[in-house]
Amino acid sequence: MHVRCESRAAPRVGPDPTEPDGALRGDWSHHMGRSLQAYEAQSSPLYLDQGALDLTKTRPSVADKRRTFRRLHEAGCFVIPNPWDVGGALYLQSLGFEALATTSSGYAWSQGRPDGGVSRDMALAHIASMVAASDVPINADFESGFAADAAGVADSVALAVQTGVAGLSIEDSSGDAANPLFELSIAIERIRAARAAIDRAGGEVLLIGRAECFLVGRPDLAETIKRLKAYAAAGADCLYAPGLQTSDQIASVVAALAPKPVNLLVGSASALTMRDIAALGVRRVSVGGALARTAWGAFMRAARLIAEAGRFDGFAEAAGGRDLDSFYRAL
């Protein structure tokens, strides 16, 4: 599925006379671009042209998407946002993003569970549904591989590869509050096992090695870099340390791991722009559960206004139901 976007005036936020209930119409966000080059090149806002879907072209194969994903990691800087359901994935795809990633937290919350509370079977089914629905590469947030030992990680990764993902991440958090990170030797064996499982399946899937030091209360940059370098040597194609905050931290990680690509998590409001991030040498930017938390924030504020004050002001910026219907009907 390919989407053509055209320059057009943005629909205003305000009363929509076509909505029988007087609901306020949502403003589709302007085209966010697919990479730093796309940000630089756009001369005017681009908006989704409903009905402009080109259904004459063949959907890309799993192999096509995997090749595209590898090319994205060769040069430049691109955003890989994290939807938590198929509807969100299709909307992000329509904005021109060239790849998407799942979010373990966003999906878990949608299932009424905490992050880390989803079973392997649930995660695999979710990943498979995202891959099947999307025409862009999907990177799986595969948590800790749903196993403690290397053999278990290998089994899980082999199953993940069968879903058609273009990439998957394995983190080194253990889930043990007393010892929140796997010992380095064990973490390395886990990455090696993931690498071997991917290679046995043809080697097309990108492996992302994650060092969780900053997220588990051990914000030691030297340890983070040591772990990431070890994961690169064990076969990780891309490296990721969620929780980095400063430009100096980011630049240090990028320099230490060059020429391997580095993923940066921007999970909250930040003064850094895509231009800034690209200048630091980052290859790709993910947002983790931030989009899900943004949606939850709006939902919770609106619901609390109703429950606590009997007010419906929280609906003021809601998207129009007919806009949403038109968008999904056109797919």
Protein backbone atom coordinates (compact mmCIF):
# COMPACT_ATOMS: atom_id res chain seq x y z
CA MET A 1 0.00 0.00 0.00
CA HIS A 2 1.41 3.35 -1.01
CA VAL A 3 0.08 6.73 0.08
CA ARG A 4 0.33 9.91 -1.95
CA CYS A 5 0.39 13.13 0.06
CA GLU A 6 -0.47 16.53 -1.38
CA SER A 7 0.02 20.08 -0.14
CA ARG A 8 -3.24 21.43 1.15
CA ALA A 9 -4.68 23.77 3.73
CA ALA A 10 -4.91 22.27 7.19
CA PRO A 11 -8.39 21.61 8.51
CA ARG A 12 -9.11 23.91 11.43
CA VAL A 13 -9.87 22.75 14.94
CA GLY A 14 -13.36 23.92 15.70
CA PRO A 15 -17.03 22.99 15.45
CA ASP A 16 -17.65 20.61 12.59
CA PRO A 17 -21.14 21.08 11.15
CA THR A 18 -20.98 17.61 9.57
CA GLU A 19 -20.75 16.00 13.01
CA PRO A 20 -24.35 15.51 14.22
CA ASP A 21 -23.30 15.62 17.86
CA GLY A 22 -21.47 18.92 17.50
CA ALA A 23 -18.13 17.31 18.24
CA LEU A 24 -14.99 19.27 17.59
CA ARG A 25 -13.02 18.27 14.57
CA GLY A 26 -9.46 17.02 14.98
CA ASP A 27 -6.59 18.63 13.11
CA TRP A 28 -4.49 16.03 11.29
CA SER A 29 -0.88 16.83 12.17
CA HIS A 30 1.34 18.13 9.40
CA HIS A 31 3.64 15.76 7.57
CA MET A 32 6.53 14.93 9.90
CA GLY A 33 8.93 13.68 7.29
CA ARG A 34 10.77 10.38 7.03
CA SER A 35 14.35 11.36 7.65
CA LEU A 36 16.47 14.41 8.27
CA GLN A 37 16.61 14.96 4.50
CA ALA A 38 12.83 14.92 4.34
CA TYR A 39 12.63 17.51 7.12
CA GLU A 40 15.07 19.73 5.26
CA ALA A 41 13.37 19.29 1.89
CA GLN A 42 9.76 20.03 2.73
CA SER A 43 8.78 23.52 1.61
CA SER A 44 5.20 23.44 2.83
CA PRO A 45 3.12 21.32 5.18
CA LEU A 46 1.82 18.13 3.62
CA TYR A 47 -1.45 16.61 4.62
CA LEU A 48 -3.04 13.28 4.06
CA ASP A 49 -5.08 13.28 0.88
CA GLN A 50 -7.96 11.00 1.73
CA GLY A 51 -8.75 8.79 -1.19
CA ALA A 52 -5.24 9.20 -2.64
CA LEU A 53 -4.19 5.66 -1.87
CA ASP A 54 -2.48 3.97 -4.78
CA LEU A 55 -3.68 0.38 -4.81
CA THR A 56 -2.15 -0.44 -8.18
CA LYS A 57 1.26 -1.30 -6.80
CA THR A 58 2.23 -4.58 -5.22
CA ARG A 59 2.81 -4.51 -1.48
CA PRO A 60 6.44 -4.97 -0.49
CA SER A 61 7.50 -8.44 0.55
CA VAL A 62 9.14 -9.29 3.88
CA ALA A 63 12.47 -9.48 2.04
CA ASP A 64 11.85 -6.05 0.49
CA LYS A 65 11.13 -4.53 3.88
CA ARG A 66 14.20 -6.10 5.42
CA ARG A 67 16.43 -4.76 2.64
CA THR A 68 14.90 -1.31 3.06
CA PHE A 69 15.52 -1.42 6.79
CA ARG A 70 19.19 -2.27 6.33
CA ARG A 71 19.60 0.59 3.87
CA LEU A 72 18.10 3.03 6.36
CA HIS A 73 20.86 2.11 8.81
CA GLU A 74 23.68 2.79 6.35
CA ALA A 75 23.62 6.60 6.36
CA GLY A 76 21.67 9.63 7.54
CA CYS A 77 19.30 9.92 10.48
CA PHE A 78 15.68 8.78 10.53
CA VAL A 79 12.79 8.63 12.98
CA ILE A 80 11.28 5.25 13.81
CA PRO A 81 8.12 6.02 15.85
CA ASN A 82 6.46 3.42 18.05
CA PRO A 83 2.75 2.71 17.54
CA TRP A 84 1.03 0.25 19.86
CA ASP A 85 -1.71 -0.97 17.54
CA VAL A 86 -2.44 -1.52 13.87
CA GLY A 87 -4.53 1.63 13.50
CA GLY A 88 -1.71 3.80 14.78
CA ALA A 89 0.81 2.00 12.60
CA LEU A 90 -1.25 2.67 9.47
CA TYR A 91 -1.64 6.33 10.34
CA LEU A 92 2.09 6.77 10.98
CA GLN A 93 2.81 4.99 7.72
CA SER A 94 0.54 7.46 5.92
CA LEU A 95 2.65 10.34 7.26
CA GLY A 96 5.63 9.01 5.36
CA PHE A 97 7.69 7.37 8.10
CA GLU A 98 9.93 4.81 6.46
CA ALA A 99 9.99 2.35 9.36
CA LEU A 100 8.11 1.72 12.59
CA ALA A 101 8.88 -0.03 15.86
CA THR A 102 6.60 -1.71 18.36
CA THR A 103 6.52 -0.55 21.96
CA SER A 104 6.35 -3.14 24.72
CA SER A 105 4.96 -0.63 27.20
CA GLY A 106 2.35 0.86 24.86
CA TYR A 107 1.06 -2.57 23.88
CA ALA A 108 1.08 -3.84 27.47
CA TRP A 109 -0.97 -0.87 28.70
CA SER A 110 -3.50 -1.43 25.92
CA GLN A 111 -3.94 -4.96 27.27
CA GLY A 112 -4.36 -3.81 30.87
CA ARG A 113 -0.90 -4.96 31.88
CA PRO A 114 2.30 -3.25 33.05
CA ASP A 115 5.34 -3.04 30.82
CA GLY A 116 6.99 -6.44 30.94
CA GLY A 117 3.69 -8.13 31.80
CA VAL A 118 2.94 -9.52 28.34
CA SER A 119 3.61 -13.17 27.52
CA ARG A 120 5.79 -14.26 24.64
CA ASP A 121 2.80 -15.61 22.74
CA MET A 122 0.96 -12.31 23.13
CA ALA A 123 3.99 -10.35 21.99
CA LEU A 124 4.53 -12.57 18.95
CA ALA A 125 0.88 -12.31 17.92
CA HIS A 126 1.00 -8.53 18.29
CA ILE A 127 4.23 -8.23 16.28
CA ALA A 128 2.83 -10.47 13.54
CA SER A 129 -0.29 -8.32 13.26
CA MET A 130 1.78 -5.13 12.95
CA VAL A 131 4.00 -6.67 10.29
CA ALA A 132 1.04 -7.99 8.30
CA ALA A 133 -0.75 -4.65 8.33
CA SER A 134 2.21 -2.42 7.45
CA ASP A 135 4.04 -1.78 4.22
CA VAL A 136 7.10 -0.40 6.00
CA PRO A 137 9.69 -2.33 8.00
CA ILE A 138 8.78 -3.15 11.60
CA ASN A 139 11.35 -3.33 14.38
CA ALA A 140 10.20 -5.41 17.35
CA ASP A 141 10.74 -4.22 20.89
CA PHE A 142 11.44 -7.78 22.00
CA GLU A 143 12.24 -6.93 25.59
CA SER A 144 14.68 -9.44 27.15
CA GLY A 145 13.88 -12.14 24.63
CA PHE A 146 11.33 -13.73 26.99
CA ALA A 147 14.02 -15.96 28.47
CA ALA A 148 16.87 -15.73 30.95
CA ASP A 149 19.28 -18.15 29.31
CA ALA A 150 20.87 -17.97 25.88
CA ALA A 151 19.06 -21.06 24.57
CA GLY A 152 15.71 -19.58 25.49
CA VAL A 153 16.58 -16.29 23.82
CA ALA A 154 17.53 -18.18 20.65
CA ASP A 155 14.17 -19.98 20.63
CA SER A 156 12.27 -16.72 21.10
CA VAL A 157 14.25 -14.89 18.42
CA ALA A 158 13.66 -17.71 15.93
CA LEU A 159 9.91 -17.31 16.50
CA ALA A 160 10.13 -13.53 16.17
CA VAL A 161 11.94 -13.83 12.84
CA GLN A 162 9.03 -15.93 11.55
CA THR A 163 6.65 -12.99 12.09
CA GLY A 164 8.38 -11.08 9.28
CA VAL A 165 10.04 -8.39 11.39
CA ALA A 166 12.88 -6.42 9.85
CA GLY A 167 14.67 -5.92 13.16
CA LEU A 168 14.41 -6.80 16.83
CA SER A 169 16.03 -5.64 20.04
CA ILE A 170 17.31 -7.68 22.96
CA GLU A 171 17.90 -5.86 26.23
CA ASP A 172 20.12 -6.80 29.14
CA SER A 173 17.68 -6.08 31.97
CA SER A 174 17.09 -9.14 34.12
CA GLY A 175 13.84 -8.23 35.84
CA ASP A 176 15.53 -8.83 39.21
CA ALA A 177 15.36 -5.69 41.35
CA ALA A 178 18.43 -6.76 43.34
CA ASN A 179 20.47 -7.40 40.20
CA PRO A 180 18.70 -5.48 37.45
CA LEU A 181 21.23 -6.24 34.69
CA PHE A 182 22.46 -9.60 33.51
CA GLU A 183 26.12 -10.17 34.23
CA LEU A 184 28.06 -9.02 31.20
CA SER A 185 29.25 -12.51 30.25
CA ILE A 186 25.66 -13.77 30.30
CA ALA A 187 24.38 -10.74 28.41
CA ILE A 188 26.99 -11.34 25.71
CA GLU A 189 25.95 -14.98 25.36
CA ARG A 190 22.35 -13.88 24.99
CA ILE A 191 23.26 -11.53 22.13
CA ARG A 192 25.36 -14.24 20.48
CA ALA A 193 22.43 -16.64 20.72
CA ALA A 194 20.11 -14.09 19.13
CA ARG A 195 22.64 -13.48 16.36
CA ALA A 196 22.97 -17.21 15.69
CA ALA A 197 19.19 -17.65 15.53
CA ILE A 198 18.91 -14.83 13.02
CA ASP A 199 21.76 -16.19 10.92
CA ARG A 200 20.19 -19.65 10.83
CA ALA A 201 17.09 -18.02 9.38
CA GLY A 202 19.03 -16.24 6.65
CA GLY A 203 20.60 -13.31 8.47
CA GLU A 204 18.35 -10.60 7.02
CA VAL A 205 16.89 -9.34 10.32
CA LEU A 206 18.74 -6.54 12.10
CA LEU A 207 19.74 -7.25 15.69
CA ILE A 208 19.70 -4.33 18.11
CA GLY A 209 21.65 -4.70 21.36
CA ARG A 210 20.30 -2.67 24.28
CA ALA A 211 22.13 -1.61 27.43
CA GLU A 212 19.56 -0.69 30.07
CA CYS A 213 21.96 0.83 32.60
CA PHE A 214 20.32 4.28 32.67
CA LEU A 215 16.83 2.81 33.00
CA VAL A 216 17.58 0.52 35.95
CA GLY A 217 19.30 3.02 38.19
CA ARG A 218 22.88 2.53 37.02
CA PRO A 219 23.53 5.66 34.92
CA ASP A 220 27.19 4.84 34.38
CA LEU A 221 28.28 5.97 30.92
CA ALA A 222 31.49 3.95 30.99
CA GLU A 223 29.61 0.75 31.85
CA THR A 224 27.00 1.52 29.19
CA ILE A 225 29.66 1.94 26.51
CA LYS A 226 31.49 -1.19 27.65
CA ARG A 227 28.33 -3.23 27.36
CA LEU A 228 27.34 -1.80 23.99
CA LYS A 229 30.80 -2.45 22.54
CA ALA A 230 30.60 -6.04 23.79
CA TYR A 231 27.18 -6.48 22.18
CA ALA A 232 28.50 -5.10 18.89
CA ALA A 233 31.36 -7.62 19.01
CA ALA A 234 28.83 -10.38 19.75
CA GLY A 235 26.87 -9.61 16.58
CA ALA A 236 24.51 -6.69 17.23
CA ASP A 237 24.00 -4.57 14.10
CA CYS A 238 22.72 -1.48 15.92
CA LEU A 239 23.22 -0.32 19.50
CA TYR A 240 20.80 1.36 21.87
CA ALA A 241 21.11 2.82 25.37
CA PRO A 242 17.73 4.21 26.44
CA GLY A 243 17.96 6.96 29.02
CA LEU A 244 20.79 9.05 27.58
CA GLN A 245 19.98 12.69 28.21
CA THR A 246 22.77 15.09 27.30
CA SER A 247 24.46 15.85 24.02
CA ASP A 248 27.80 14.86 25.55
CA GLN A 249 26.46 11.45 26.58
CA ILE A 250 24.99 10.84 23.15
CA ALA A 251 28.12 11.96 21.31
CA SER A 252 30.31 9.78 23.53
CA VAL A 253 28.26 6.67 22.79
CA VAL A 254 28.19 7.38 19.04
CA ALA A 255 31.96 7.94 18.92
CA ALA A 256 32.73 4.83 20.95
CA LEU A 257 30.62 2.58 18.72
CA ALA A 258 31.41 4.03 15.29
CA PRO A 259 30.85 2.92 12.60
CA LYS A 260 27.97 0.92 14.10
CA PRO A 261 24.64 2.79 13.99
CA VAL A 262 23.19 4.06 17.26
CA ASN A 263 19.52 4.43 18.22
CA LEU A 264 18.51 7.35 20.45
CA LEU A 265 15.36 7.27 22.54
CA VAL A 266 13.51 10.59 22.76
CA GLY A 267 10.74 9.67 25.15
CA SER A 268 9.81 13.08 26.49
CA ALA A 269 9.74 16.71 25.44
CA SER A 270 13.27 17.66 24.41
CA ALA A 271 15.11 20.76 23.25
CA LEU A 272 17.02 18.56 20.80
CA THR A 273 15.74 18.68 17.23
CA MET A 274 16.32 16.18 14.46
CA ARG A 275 19.01 18.49 13.10
CA ASP A 276 20.77 18.48 16.50
CA ILE A 277 20.51 14.72 16.85
CA ALA A 278 21.81 14.07 13.35
CA ALA A 279 24.75 16.37 14.01
CA LEU A 280 25.67 14.16 16.99
CA GLY A 281 25.97 11.19 14.62
CA VAL A 282 22.84 9.31 15.69
CA ARG A 283 21.45 7.05 12.97
CA ARG A 284 17.89 6.55 14.16
CA VAL A 285 15.49 8.05 16.71
CA SER A 286 12.73 6.11 18.46
CA VAL A 287 10.13 7.39 20.91
CA GLY A 288 9.36 4.26 22.94
CA GLY A 289 6.06 4.50 24.77
CA ALA A 290 5.84 8.30 24.41
CA LEU A 291 3.08 8.32 21.79
CA ALA A 292 1.08 5.86 23.89
CA ARG A 293 1.62 7.97 27.00
CA THR A 294 0.55 11.07 25.09
CA ALA A 295 -2.70 9.36 24.08
CA TRP A 296 -3.21 8.06 27.62
CA GLY A 297 -2.61 11.57 28.97
CA ALA A 298 -5.42 13.00 26.84
CA PHE A 299 -7.71 10.09 27.70
CA MET A 300 -7.06 10.38 31.44
CA ARG A 301 -7.52 14.16 31.52
CA ALA A 302 -10.82 13.95 29.64
CA ALA A 303 -12.09 11.06 31.78
CA ARG A 304 -11.15 12.81 35.04
CA LEU A 305 -12.93 15.99 33.96
CA ILE A 306 -16.11 13.98 33.47
CA ALA A 307 -15.73 11.97 36.69
CA GLU A 308 -14.65 14.83 38.94
CA ALA A 309 -16.25 17.93 37.46
CA GLY A 310 -18.99 16.72 35.13
CA ARG A 311 -17.31 18.60 32.30
CA PHE A 312 -16.59 17.55 28.72
CA ASP A 313 -13.89 20.09 27.84
CA GLY A 314 -11.43 17.25 27.34
CA PHE A 315 -13.00 16.49 23.98
CA ALA A 316 -11.97 19.87 22.55
CA GLU A 317 -9.06 18.53 20.51
CA ALA A 318 -10.52 15.15 19.62
CA ALA A 319 -10.17 13.93 16.06
CA GLY A 320 -13.38 13.88 14.04
CA GLY A 321 -15.01 10.49 13.82
CA ARG A 322 -15.77 10.99 10.13
CA ASP A 323 -12.16 11.94 9.47
CA LEU A 324 -11.03 8.70 11.07
CA ASP A 325 -13.65 6.65 9.27
CA SER A 326 -12.70 8.20 5.92
CA PHE A 327 -9.03 7.52 6.50
CA TYR A 328 -9.47 3.84 7.40
CA ARG A 329 -12.19 3.27 4.80
CA ALA A 330 -9.75 4.39 2.10
CA LEU A 331 -7.10 1.83 3.04
